[in-house]
C-alpha atoms as a PDB file:
ATOM      1  CA  MET A   1      45.545  30.832  64.895  1.00  0.00           C
ATOM      2  CA  SER A   2      45.547  29.761  68.590  1.00  0.00           C
ATOM      3  CA  LEU A   3      48.096  30.034  71.450  1.00  0.00           C
ATOM      4  CA  GLN A   4      48.690  26.274  72.497  1.00  0.00           C
ATOM      5  CA  GLY A   5      51.618  25.091  73.515  1.00  0.00           C
ATOM      6  CA  LYS A   6      53.009  28.268  72.270  1.00  0.00           C
ATOM      7  CA  GLN A   7      55.342  31.248  74.641  1.00  0.00           C
ATOM      8  CA  VAL A   8      53.294  33.906  76.083  1.00  0.00           C
ATOM      9  CA  LEU A   9      55.832  36.927  76.998  1.00  0.00           C
ATOM     10  CA  LYS A  10      54.992  38.580  80.561  1.00  0.00           C
ATOM     11  CA  PRO A  11      55.766  42.812  80.983  1.00  0.00           C
ATOM     12  CA  LEU A  12      59.172  43.254  82.246  1.00  0.00           C
ATOM     13  CA  SER A  13      58.379  43.987  86.368  1.00  0.00           C
ATOM     14  CA  MET A  14      60.418  47.146  87.369  1.00  0.00           C
ATOM     15  CA  PRO A  15      63.046  46.636  90.435  1.00  0.00           C
ATOM     16  CA  LYS A  16      61.087  47.845  93.804  1.00  0.00           C
ATOM     17  CA  PHE A  17      62.159  51.552  95.157  1.00  0.00           C
ATOM     18  CA  ASN A  18      64.757  50.850  97.231  1.00  0.00           C
ATOM     19  CA  PRO A  19      64.532  53.107 100.452  1.00  0.00           C
ATOM     20  CA  VAL A  20      67.116  53.990 101.257  1.00  0.00           C
ATOM     21  CA  TRP A  21      67.237  56.878  99.160  1.00  0.00           C
ATOM     22  CA  LYS A  22      64.202  57.345 100.300  1.00  0.00           C
ATOM     23  CA  ASP A  23      63.572  61.358 101.706  1.00  0.00           C
ATOM     24  CA  VAL A  24      67.418  62.573 100.750  1.00  0.00           C
ATOM     25  CA  GLU A  25      68.404  65.941 101.029  1.00  0.00           C
ATOM     26  CA  GLY A  26      70.379  68.669 100.051  1.00  0.00           C
ATOM     27  CA  ASP A  27      74.290  68.220  99.622  1.00  0.00           C
ATOM     28  CA  TRP A  28      74.487  64.087 100.629  1.00  0.00           C
ATOM     29  CA  CYS A  29      77.776  63.878  98.845  1.00  0.00           C
ATOM     30  CA  LYS A  30      79.636  67.248  99.236  1.00  0.00           C
ATOM     31  CA  ASN A  31      82.978  67.279  97.233  1.00  0.00           C
ATOM     32  CA  GLU A  32      85.228  69.870  98.917  1.00  0.00           C
ATOM     33  CA  SER A  33      88.025  70.708  95.933  1.00  0.00           C
ATOM     34  CA  LEU A  34      84.411  71.420  93.718  1.00  0.00           C
ATOM     35  CA  ALA A  35      82.773  74.563  94.071  1.00  0.00           C
ATOM     36  CA  SER A  36      79.896  76.301  92.237  1.00  0.00           C
ATOM     37  CA  VAL A  37      79.976  80.073  89.825  1.00  0.00           C
ATOM     38  CA  PRO A  38      78.591  81.448  87.225  1.00  0.00           C
ATOM     39  CA  PHE A  39      79.000  81.084  83.929  1.00  0.00           C
ATOM     40  CA  SER A  40      81.192  84.027  82.259  1.00  0.00           C
ATOM     41  CA  PRO A  41      82.803  84.497  79.149  1.00  0.00           C
ATOM     42  CA  LEU A  42      85.208  83.708  77.757  1.00  0.00           C
ATOM     43  CA  GLU A  43      87.660  86.842  77.643  1.00  0.00           C
ATOM     44  CA  ALA A  44      87.118  88.188  81.510  1.00  0.00           C
ATOM     45  CA  ARG A  45      88.289  83.786  82.693  1.00  0.00           C
ATOM     46  CA  ILE A  46      91.344  83.437  79.938  1.00  0.00           C
ATOM     47  CA  ALA A  47      92.632  86.994  81.225  1.00  0.00           C
ATOM     48  CA  LYS A  48      92.853  85.376  84.716  1.00  0.00           C
ATOM     49  CA  GLU A  49      94.213  81.378  83.958  1.00  0.00           C
ATOM     50  CA  LYS A  50      95.854  82.192  81.038  1.00  0.00           C
ATOM     51  CA  PRO A  51      97.354  85.131  80.603  1.00  0.00           C
ATOM     52  CA  GLY A  52      99.637  83.886  77.861  1.00  0.00           C
ATOM     53  CA  LEU A  53      96.554  84.288  75.367  1.00  0.00           C
ATOM     54  CA  SER A  54      95.186  87.049  76.161  1.00  0.00           C
ATOM     55  CA  GLN A  55      96.332  88.582  72.747  1.00  0.00           C
ATOM     56  CA  GLY A  56      95.297  85.863  71.108  1.00  0.00           C
ATOM     57  CA  LEU A  57      92.476  86.268  71.889  1.00  0.00           C
ATOM     58  CA  GLU A  58      92.082  90.510  71.411  1.00  0.00           C
ATOM     59  CA  LYS A  59      93.421  89.641  67.373  1.00  0.00           C
ATOM     60  CA  LEU A  60      90.527  87.171  67.469  1.00  0.00           C
ATOM     61  CA  ARG A  61      88.107  90.021  68.001  1.00  0.00           C
ATOM     62  CA  SER A  62      89.865  92.673  65.828  1.00  0.00           C
ATOM     63  CA  LEU A  63      89.465  89.884  63.065  1.00  0.00           C
ATOM     64  CA  LEU A  64      85.839  88.771  63.512  1.00  0.00           C
ATOM     65  CA  GLY A  65      84.418  91.795  64.928  1.00  0.00           C
ATOM     66  CA  GLU A  66      83.440  92.664  67.812  1.00  0.00           C
ATOM     67  CA  ASP A  67      79.589  91.173  67.220  1.00  0.00           C
ATOM     68  CA  ASN A  68      80.622  87.517  66.076  1.00  0.00           C
ATOM     69  CA  PHE A  69      83.526  87.203  68.340  1.00  0.00           C
ATOM     70  CA  ARG A  70      80.586  88.238  71.638  1.00  0.00           C
ATOM     71  CA  LYS A  71      78.029  85.105  69.134  1.00  0.00           C
ATOM     72  CA  PHE A  72      80.898  82.340  68.723  1.00  0.00           C
ATOM     73  CA  ILE A  73      83.552  83.322  71.027  1.00  0.00           C
ATOM     74  CA  SER A  74      82.517  85.045  74.479  1.00  0.00           C
ATOM     75  CA  PRO A  75      80.594  81.728  75.226  1.00  0.00           C
ATOM     76  CA  LEU A  76      83.533  78.737  74.348  1.00  0.00           C
ATOM     77  CA  HIS A  77      84.126  76.577  77.310  1.00  0.00           C
ATOM     78  CA  ASN A  78      88.098  76.584  77.326  1.00  0.00           C
ATOM     79  CA  LEU A  79      90.823  77.646  75.154  1.00  0.00           C
ATOM     80  CA  THR A  80      94.432  75.823  75.382  1.00  0.00           C
ATOM     81  CA  GLN A  81      97.285  75.791  73.115  1.00  0.00           C
ATOM     82  CA  ASN A  82     100.381  74.036  72.379  1.00  0.00           C
ATOM     83  CA  GLY A  83     102.548  74.250  69.933  1.00  0.00           C
ATOM     84  CA  ASN A  84     101.022  74.413  66.736  1.00  0.00           C
ATOM     85  CA  MET A  85      97.663  73.618  68.104  1.00  0.00           C
ATOM     86  CA  LEU A  86      94.784  74.717  69.429  1.00  0.00           C
ATOM     87  CA  LEU A  87      92.032  73.285  71.005  1.00  0.00           C
ATOM     88  CA  VAL A  88      88.507  74.660  71.538  1.00  0.00           C
ATOM     89  CA  ILE A  89      86.578  73.317  74.372  1.00  0.00           C
ATOM     90  CA  ALA A  90      82.390  74.363  73.046  1.00  0.00           C
ATOM     91  CA  GLY A  91      79.693  73.385  74.978  1.00  0.00           C
ATOM     92  CA  ASP A  92      77.478  72.173  72.468  1.00  0.00           C
ATOM     93  CA  PHE A  93      78.120  70.985  68.778  1.00  0.00           C
ATOM     94  CA  LEU A  94      75.643  73.583  67.165  1.00  0.00           C
ATOM     95  CA  GLN A  95      78.848  76.324  68.744  1.00  0.00           C
ATOM     96  CA  ARG A  96      81.202  74.016  66.688  1.00  0.00           C
ATOM     97  CA  SER A  97      79.435  73.421  63.878  1.00  0.00           C
ATOM     98  CA  LEU A  98      78.974  77.515  63.807  1.00  0.00           C
ATOM     99  CA  LEU A  99      82.172  77.968  64.645  1.00  0.00           C
ATOM    100  CA  GLU A 100      83.811  75.043  62.436  1.00  0.00           C
ATOM    101  CA  ARG A 101      82.080  76.942  59.578  1.00  0.00           C
ATOM    102  CA  GLU A 102      82.685  81.011  60.711  1.00  0.00           C
ATOM    103  CA  CYS A 103      85.964  80.320  62.343  1.00  0.00           C
ATOM    104  CA  ILE A 104      88.933  78.342  61.978  1.00  0.00           C
ATOM    105  CA  PRO A 105      90.805  80.446  60.151  1.00  0.00           C
ATOM    106  CA  SER A 106      90.815  83.351  62.214  1.00  0.00           C
ATOM    107  CA  LEU A 107      91.363  81.338  64.853  1.00  0.00           C
ATOM    108  CA  LYS A 108      94.745  79.955  63.030  1.00  0.00           C
ATOM    109  CA  GLU A 109      95.667  83.822  62.406  1.00  0.00           C
ATOM    110  CA  ALA A 110      94.902  85.066  66.049  1.00  0.00           C
ATOM    111  CA  PHE A 111      96.453  82.460  67.422  1.00  0.00           C
ATOM    112  CA  GLY A 112      99.205  81.894  65.044  1.00  0.00           C
ATOM    113  CA  VAL A 113      99.107  78.009  64.898  1.00  0.00           C
ATOM    114  CA  SER A 114      98.138  75.661  62.159  1.00  0.00           C
ATOM    115  CA  LYS A 115      95.779  73.258  63.427  1.00  0.00           C
ATOM    116  CA  VAL A 116      92.098  74.200  65.326  1.00  0.00           C
ATOM    117  CA  ARG A 117      90.471  70.857  67.247  1.00  0.00           C
ATOM    118  CA  ILE A 118      86.646  72.145  68.738  1.00  0.00           C
ATOM    119  CA  VAL A 119      85.741  69.272  71.420  1.00  0.00           C
ATOM    120  CA  VAL A 120      82.103  69.550  72.940  1.00  0.00           C
END
């Protein structure tokens, strides 16, 4: 089989390096409205930012037990209650799956809601 009369594919070439970004160091794109803080357990953040949810968290702690509460609830990013719905923000899909499997009925009972939505 000959390649005569056939098109031959040429390899793609990478674009040349942009010298504008060479030797860039430090905070070259500062945003004064953002701050980096160490991660703290959910219950500590909720007590400061949303004290209305603290009572529900304490009830959830008694329903799940201390070990399960520390394993499933403390590492969460956030909780928000809006009427009859609780929005839970998890860190990753594994954490979301574990919450769905282990905690949905307890979350509903502790916060007095009929719907729980867990997002990543």
